[in-house]
C-alpha atoms as a PDB file:
ATOM      1  CA  MET A   1      15.487 -12.457  24.867  1.00  0.00           C
ATOM      2  CA  CYS A   2      17.817 -11.155  21.949  1.00  0.00           C
ATOM      3  CA  ALA A   3      18.089 -14.820  20.400  1.00  0.00           C
ATOM      4  CA  ARG A   4      14.129 -14.984  20.308  1.00  0.00           C
ATOM      5  CA  LEU A   5      13.961 -11.427  18.814  1.00  0.00           C
ATOM      6  CA  LEU A   6      16.528 -12.365  16.088  1.00  0.00           C
ATOM      7  CA  ARG A   7      14.515 -15.658  15.235  1.00  0.00           C
ATOM      8  CA  ARG A   8      11.662 -13.315  14.678  1.00  0.00           C
ATOM      9  CA  VAL A   9      13.558 -11.024  12.571  1.00  0.00           C
ATOM     10  CA  SER A  10      14.835 -14.075  10.491  1.00  0.00           C
ATOM     11  CA  ILE A  11      11.380 -15.206   9.954  1.00  0.00           C
ATOM     12  CA  LEU A  12      10.295 -11.603   9.054  1.00  0.00           C
ATOM     13  CA  SER A  13      13.263 -11.248   6.586  1.00  0.00           C
ATOM     14  CA  LEU A  14      12.622 -14.767   4.946  1.00  0.00           C
ATOM     15  CA  VAL A  15       8.859 -13.858   4.324  1.00  0.00           C
ATOM     16  CA  LEU A  16       9.706 -10.667   2.749  1.00  0.00           C
ATOM     17  CA  ALA A  17      12.630 -12.340   0.755  1.00  0.00           C
ATOM     18  CA  ALA A  18      10.379 -14.795  -0.458  1.00  0.00           C
ATOM     19  CA  LEU A  19       7.685 -12.474  -1.534  1.00  0.00           C
ATOM     20  CA  GLY A  20      10.283 -10.414  -3.206  1.00  0.00           C
ATOM     21  CA  ALA A  21      13.204 -12.468  -4.333  1.00  0.00           C
ATOM     22  CA  GLU A  22      13.919 -13.352  -7.872  1.00  0.00           C
ATOM     23  CA  ASP A  23      14.793 -16.833  -9.229  1.00  0.00           C
ATOM     24  CA  SER A  24      18.342 -16.144  -8.313  1.00  0.00           C
ATOM     25  CA  GLY A  25      17.508 -15.549  -4.548  1.00  0.00           C
ATOM     26  CA  ASP A  26      18.742 -18.060  -2.167  1.00  0.00           C
ATOM     27  CA  VAL A  27      18.561 -18.790   1.669  1.00  0.00           C
ATOM     28  CA  ARG A  28      21.494 -20.040   3.539  1.00  0.00           C
ATOM     29  CA  TRP A  29      21.628 -21.599   6.995  1.00  0.00           C
ATOM     30  CA  ARG A  30      24.750 -21.564   9.007  1.00  0.00           C
ATOM     31  CA  ASN A  31      26.160 -22.130  12.601  1.00  0.00           C
ATOM     32  CA  SER A  32      28.084 -19.503  14.233  1.00  0.00           C
ATOM     33  CA  GLY A  33      31.828 -19.610  13.219  1.00  0.00           C
ATOM     34  CA  ASP A  34      30.909 -20.755   9.596  1.00  0.00           C
ATOM     35  CA  SER A  35      31.509 -18.845   6.543  1.00  0.00           C
ATOM     36  CA  ILE A  36      29.401 -17.802   3.569  1.00  0.00           C
ATOM     37  CA  THR A  37      30.219 -16.799   0.022  1.00  0.00           C
ATOM     38  CA  VAL A  38      28.137 -14.296  -1.731  1.00  0.00           C
ATOM     39  CA  SER A  39      28.404 -14.317  -5.682  1.00  0.00           C
ATOM     40  CA  CYS A  40      27.909 -10.918  -6.992  1.00  0.00           C
ATOM     41  CA  ASN A  41      27.496 -10.976 -10.875  1.00  0.00           C
ATOM     42  CA  THR A  42      25.976  -9.004 -13.743  1.00  0.00           C
ATOM     43  CA  PRO A  43      25.506  -9.774 -17.425  1.00  0.00           C
ATOM     44  CA  LEU A  44      26.707  -6.316 -18.518  1.00  0.00           C
ATOM     45  CA  ALA A  45      30.458  -6.096 -19.821  1.00  0.00           C
ATOM     46  CA  LYS A  46      33.123  -4.755 -17.578  1.00  0.00           C
ATOM     47  CA  SER A  47      33.325  -1.601 -19.471  1.00  0.00           C
ATOM     48  CA  TYR A  48      29.711  -0.626 -18.533  1.00  0.00           C
ATOM     49  CA  VAL A  49      30.386  -1.260 -14.779  1.00  0.00           C
ATOM     50  CA  TRP A  50      31.635   1.495 -12.698  1.00  0.00           C
ATOM     51  CA  GLU A  51      30.961   0.338  -9.182  1.00  0.00           C
ATOM     52  CA  LEU A  52      29.946  -2.673  -7.039  1.00  0.00           C
ATOM     53  CA  TYR A  53      28.300  -2.577  -3.688  1.00  0.00           C
ATOM     54  CA  LEU A  54      27.173  -5.615  -1.124  1.00  0.00           C
ATOM     55  CA  LYS A  55      24.656  -4.398   0.954  1.00  0.00           C
ATOM     56  CA  LYS A  56      22.859  -6.144   3.940  1.00  0.00           C
ATOM     57  CA  GLY A  57      19.290  -5.342   4.896  1.00  0.00           C
ATOM     58  CA  LEU A  58      15.950  -4.496   2.979  1.00  0.00           C
ATOM     59  CA  HIS A  59      14.653  -1.420   4.484  1.00  0.00           C
ATOM     60  CA  ALA A  60      16.521   1.692   3.191  1.00  0.00           C
ATOM     61  CA  ALA A  61      16.898   3.418   6.581  1.00  0.00           C
ATOM     62  CA  MET A  62      18.476   0.087   8.185  1.00  0.00           C
ATOM     63  CA  GLN A  63      20.691  -1.036   5.319  1.00  0.00           C
ATOM     64  CA  ASP A  64      24.460  -1.683   5.751  1.00  0.00           C
ATOM     65  CA  GLN A  65      27.050  -1.229   3.032  1.00  0.00           C
ATOM     66  CA  VAL A  66      29.358  -4.446   3.644  1.00  0.00           C
ATOM     67  CA  LEU A  67      31.688  -3.793   0.739  1.00  0.00           C
ATOM     68  CA  PHE A  68      32.451  -1.299  -1.970  1.00  0.00           C
ATOM     69  CA  LEU A  69      34.671  -2.087  -5.232  1.00  0.00           C
ATOM     70  CA  GLY A  70      34.935   0.387  -8.014  1.00  0.00           C
ATOM     71  CA  THR A  71      36.908  -0.057 -11.190  1.00  0.00           C
ATOM     72  CA  THR A  72      39.427   2.488 -10.607  1.00  0.00           C
ATOM     73  CA  SER A  73      40.516   0.866  -7.099  1.00  0.00           C
ATOM     74  CA  ASP A  74      42.379  -2.186  -6.611  1.00  0.00           C
ATOM     75  CA  GLN A  75      41.235  -3.267  -3.155  1.00  0.00           C
ATOM     76  CA  PRO A  76      37.590  -3.072  -2.049  1.00  0.00           C
ATOM     77  CA  GLY A  77      36.089  -1.039   0.790  1.00  0.00           C
ATOM     78  CA  ILE A  78      35.196  -2.786   3.696  1.00  0.00           C
ATOM     79  CA  LYS A  79      32.785  -1.946   6.529  1.00  0.00           C
ATOM     80  CA  GLU A  80      34.764  -2.233   9.828  1.00  0.00           C
ATOM     81  CA  GLU A  81      32.839  -5.113  11.521  1.00  0.00           C
ATOM     82  CA  PHE A  82      33.467  -7.239   8.544  1.00  0.00           C
ATOM     83  CA  MET A  83      37.013  -6.096   7.676  1.00  0.00           C
ATOM     84  CA  ASN A  84      39.203  -8.935   9.163  1.00  0.00           C
ATOM     85  CA  ARG A  85      36.932 -11.677   7.861  1.00  0.00           C
ATOM     86  CA  THR A  86      36.060 -11.012   4.462  1.00  0.00           C
ATOM     87  CA  GLN A  87      37.879 -11.883   1.268  1.00  0.00           C
ATOM     88  CA  THR A  88      37.220 -11.405  -2.477  1.00  0.00           C
ATOM     89  CA  ASN A  89      38.106 -13.203  -5.492  1.00  0.00           C
ATOM     90  CA  GLY A  90      37.291 -12.355  -9.164  1.00  0.00           C
ATOM     91  CA  VAL A  91      36.406  -9.366 -11.066  1.00  0.00           C
ATOM     92  CA  ILE A  92      33.909  -6.695 -10.509  1.00  0.00           C
ATOM     93  CA  THR A  93      31.181  -8.301 -12.896  1.00  0.00           C
ATOM     94  CA  LYS A  94      31.777 -11.576 -11.261  1.00  0.00           C
ATOM     95  CA  LEU A  95      32.814 -11.541  -7.685  1.00  0.00           C
ATOM     96  CA  ASP A  96      32.794 -14.026  -4.900  1.00  0.00           C
ATOM     97  CA  ILE A  97      32.796 -12.439  -1.583  1.00  0.00           C
ATOM     98  CA  THR A  98      33.560 -14.735   1.302  1.00  0.00           C
ATOM     99  CA  ILE A  99      32.653 -13.767   5.059  1.00  0.00           C
ATOM    100  CA  ARG A 100      34.149 -15.928   7.931  1.00  0.00           C
ATOM    101  CA  ASN A 101      33.455 -16.314  11.619  1.00  0.00           C
ATOM    102  CA  LEU A 102      29.764 -15.901  11.008  1.00  0.00           C
ATOM    103  CA  THR A 103      27.818 -14.723  14.151  1.00  0.00           C
ATOM    104  CA  VAL A 104      24.176 -14.402  14.807  1.00  0.00           C
ATOM    105  CA  ASN A 105      24.448 -10.787  14.305  1.00  0.00           C
ATOM    106  CA  ASP A 106      25.145 -11.342  10.585  1.00  0.00           C
ATOM    107  CA  THR A 107      21.692 -12.614   9.965  1.00  0.00           C
ATOM    108  CA  GLY A 108      19.822 -10.790   7.328  1.00  0.00           C
ATOM    109  CA  VAL A 109      19.364 -10.283   3.609  1.00  0.00           C
ATOM    110  CA  TYR A 110      22.717  -9.645   1.507  1.00  0.00           C
ATOM    111  CA  TRP A 111      22.227  -8.118  -2.140  1.00  0.00           C
ATOM    112  CA  CYS A 112      24.323  -6.944  -4.832  1.00  0.00           C
ATOM    113  CA  GLU A 113      24.094  -3.572  -6.847  1.00  0.00           C
ATOM    114  CA  TYR A 114      25.770  -2.242  -9.639  1.00  0.00           C
ATOM    115  CA  LYS A 115      26.450   1.485 -10.828  1.00  0.00           C
ATOM    116  CA  VAL A 116      26.586   1.354 -14.565  1.00  0.00           C
ATOM    117  CA  SER A 117      26.772   3.647 -17.340  1.00  0.00           C
ATOM    118  CA  GLN A 118      23.540   3.738 -19.825  1.00  0.00           C
ATOM    119  CA  GLU A 119      23.462   6.441 -22.447  1.00  0.00           C
ATOM    120  CA  ASP A 120      25.789   8.669 -20.944  1.00  0.00           C
ATOM    121  CA  ASP A 121      24.176   8.366 -17.477  1.00  0.00           C
ATOM    122  CA  LEU A 122      25.121   6.551 -14.393  1.00  0.00           C
ATOM    123  CA  ILE A 123      22.232   4.346 -13.044  1.00  0.00           C
ATOM    124  CA  ILE A 124      21.834   1.893 -10.169  1.00  0.00           C
ATOM    125  CA  GLN A 125      21.259  -1.735 -11.134  1.00  0.00           C
ATOM    126  CA  PRO A 126      20.517  -4.672  -9.027  1.00  0.00           C
ATOM    127  CA  GLY A 127      22.983  -7.578  -9.715  1.00  0.00           C
ATOM    128  CA  ASP A 128      22.431 -11.343  -9.178  1.00  0.00           C
ATOM    129  CA  GLY A 129      23.522 -13.271  -6.047  1.00  0.00           C
ATOM    130  CA  SER A 130      21.426 -12.055  -3.323  1.00  0.00           C
ATOM    131  CA  VAL A 131      20.972 -14.151  -0.438  1.00  0.00           C
ATOM    132  CA  LEU A 132      19.142 -14.472   2.856  1.00  0.00           C
ATOM    133  CA  LEU A 133      21.559 -15.652   5.553  1.00  0.00           C
ATOM    134  CA  VAL A 134      20.315 -17.344   8.851  1.00  0.00           C
ATOM    135  CA  VAL A 135      23.003 -17.910  11.483  1.00  0.00           C
ATOM    136  CA  LYS A 136      22.051 -20.300  14.212  1.00  0.00           C
ATOM    137  CA  GLY A 137      23.599 -19.694  17.803  1.00  0.00           C
ATOM    138  CA  GLU A 138      23.560 -17.317  20.704  1.00  0.00           C
ATOM    139  CA  ALA A 139      23.128 -13.700  20.338  1.00  0.00           C
ATOM    140  CA  GLU A 140      25.558 -11.222  21.822  1.00  0.00           C
ATOM    141  CA  CYS A 141      23.492  -9.470  24.100  1.00  0.00           C
ATOM    142  CA  GLU A 142      24.543  -6.736  26.419  1.00  0.00           C
ATOM    143  CA  ALA A 143      24.038  -7.345  30.101  1.00  0.00           C
ATOM    144  CA  GLN A 144      21.132  -5.247  31.297  1.00  0.00           C
ATOM    145  CA  SER A 145      21.470  -3.337  34.685  1.00  0.00           C
ATOM    146  CA  PRO A 146      19.046  -3.857  37.548  1.00  0.00           C
ATOM    147  CA  ARG A 147      17.667  -0.607  37.291  1.00  0.00           C
ATOM    148  CA  MET A 148      16.863  -1.343  33.425  1.00  0.00           C
ATOM    149  CA  THR A 149      15.292  -4.638  34.451  1.00  0.00           C
ATOM    150  CA  LEU A 150      13.170  -2.963  37.169  1.00  0.00           C
ATOM    151  CA  PHE A 151      11.892  -0.409  34.564  1.00  0.00           C
ATOM    152  CA  VAL A 152      11.034  -3.291  32.164  1.00  0.00           C
ATOM    153  CA  VAL A 153       9.077  -5.137  34.806  1.00  0.00           C
ATOM    154  CA  LEU A 154       7.277  -2.070  35.994  1.00  0.00           C
ATOM    155  CA  VAL A 155       6.273  -0.991  32.583  1.00  0.00           C
ATOM    156  CA  SER A 156       5.150  -4.664  31.635  1.00  0.00           C
ATOM    157  CA  THR A 157       3.296  -4.771  34.819  1.00  0.00           C
ATOM    158  CA  LEU A 158       1.414  -1.464  34.193  1.00  0.00           C
ATOM    159  CA  THR A 159       0.681  -2.450  30.613  1.00  0.00           C
ATOM    160  CA  CYS A 160      -0.874  -5.694  31.700  1.00  0.00           C
ATOM    161  CA  GLY A 161      -2.830  -3.982  34.481  1.00  0.00           C
ATOM    162  CA  THR A 162      -4.240  -1.341  31.909  1.00  0.00           C
ATOM    163  CA  MET A 163      -5.337  -4.063  29.580  1.00  0.00           C
ATOM    164  CA  LEU A 164      -7.143  -5.778  32.454  1.00  0.00           C
ATOM    165  CA  VAL A 165      -8.916  -2.768  33.609  1.00  0.00           C
ATOM    166  CA  LEU A 166      -9.937  -2.143  29.749  1.00  0.00           C
ATOM    167  CA  LEU A 167     -11.070  -5.724  29.650  1.00  0.00           C
ATOM    168  CA  LEU A 168     -13.270  -5.754  32.924  1.00  0.00           C
ATOM    169  CA  ILE A 169     -14.781  -2.272  31.596  1.00  0.00           C
ATOM    170  CA  THR A 170     -15.614  -3.965  28.329  1.00  0.00           C
ATOM    171  CA  CYS A 171     -17.308  -6.637  29.847  1.00  0.00           C
ATOM    172  CA  PHE A 172     -19.169  -4.676  32.593  1.00  0.00           C
ATOM    173  CA  LEU A 173     -20.506  -2.490  29.655  1.00  0.00           C
ATOM    174  CA  TRP A 174     -21.510  -5.602  27.510  1.00  0.00           C
ATOM    175  CA  ILE A 175     -23.125  -7.583  30.534  1.00  0.00           C
ATOM    176  CA  LEU A 176     -24.973  -4.468  32.500  1.00  0.00           C
ATOM    177  CA  PRO A 177     -27.812  -4.061  29.710  1.00  0.00           C
ATOM    178  CA  LYS A 178     -28.453  -7.782  29.795  1.00  0.00           C
ATOM    179  CA  VAL A 179     -28.721  -7.935  33.325  1.00  0.00           C
ATOM    180  CA  LYS A 180     -31.095  -4.689  33.339  1.00  0.00           C
ATOM    181  CA  ALA A 181     -33.438  -6.357  30.663  1.00  0.00           C
ATOM    182  CA  MET A 182     -33.599  -9.549  32.620  1.00  0.00           C
ATOM    183  CA  ARG A 183     -34.608  -7.784  35.961  1.00  0.00           C
ATOM    184  CA  LYS A 184     -37.222  -5.905  34.007  1.00  0.00           C
ATOM    185  CA  LYS A 185     -38.597  -9.197  32.429  1.00  0.00           C
ATOM    186  CA  ALA A 186     -38.899 -10.723  35.986  1.00  0.00           C
ATOM    187  CA  MET A 187     -40.374  -7.703  37.510  1.00  0.00           C
ATOM    188  CA  LYS A 188     -43.301  -7.491  34.874  1.00  0.00           C
ATOM    189  CA  PRO A 189     -46.732  -8.692  36.209  1.00  0.00           C
ATOM    190  CA  GLN A 190     -48.194 -11.811  35.225  1.00  0.00           C
ATOM    191  CA  ARG A 191     -51.693 -12.862  35.371  1.00  0.00           C
ATOM    192  CA  SER A 192     -52.279 -15.846  37.657  1.00  0.00           C
ATOM    193  CA  ALA A 193     -54.023 -19.006  36.409  1.00  0.00           C
ATOM    194  CA  THR A 194     -56.549 -18.541  39.130  1.00  0.00           C
ATOM    195  CA  ALA A 195     -57.901 -15.245  37.573  1.00  0.00           C
ATOM    196  CA  ASP A 196     -57.946 -17.061  34.128  1.00  0.00           C
ATOM    197  CA  VAL A 197     -60.252 -19.816  35.510  1.00  0.00           C
ATOM    198  CA  TYR A 198     -62.521 -17.052  37.293  1.00  0.00           C
ATOM    199  CA  GLU A 199     -63.010 -15.386  34.075  1.00  0.00           C
ATOM    200  CA  ASP A 200     -63.942 -18.453  32.161  1.00  0.00           C
ATOM    201  CA  MET A 201     -66.684 -19.305  34.788  1.00  0.00           C
ATOM    202  CA  ARG A 202     -68.274 -15.853  34.642  1.00  0.00           C
ATOM    203  CA  SER A 203     -68.294 -16.172  30.557  1.00  0.00           C
ATOM    204  CA  THR A 204     -70.157 -19.453  30.902  1.00  0.00           C
ATOM    205  CA  LEU A 205     -72.737 -18.221  33.301  1.00  0.00           C
ATOM    206  CA  ARG A 206     -73.653 -15.113  31.191  1.00  0.00           C
ATOM    207  CA  ARG A 207     -74.402 -17.755  28.376  1.00  0.00           C
END
């Protein structure tokens, strides 16, 4: 179930990245246990750059800050889940960030962001080097308890039953007027052929 969900998330991320990515965007396919290198760079001179961020995710509420590097710090700050498998090489304006031992949970969009000085103000500016990472393999799913499994089954059954009832009601409301119209048409009295012949004979005798 988790692998299927992550594949759907990967496809959705791929579509969104394809719609919004620049020419520098890239798609990387990896297997579990592989590594990837994200190259963050900016054309600005080092004197204008204050901080570098490597982030994961597209939606603001779901973004993870993977790495942070400031001009006054010797070592980058790395998020705990990436701590022992991330290495950097280069300077802040052109930094290669390598993540090892990838898992399916690392799938997502990685992008670079710089805080730069401009006219005595600090502004956030996107950097080059964004990539969409898709890691193939089995997802690490937590085992569901029997009570949770039963709850999911009950909710699914109730949902399917409700949709079936609504479908039957819709069909009934659609078919009922047609049946009534057909019954009215069938019950409408019709003139017999004998009566028509008799009427024609009376008209002929009068002439």
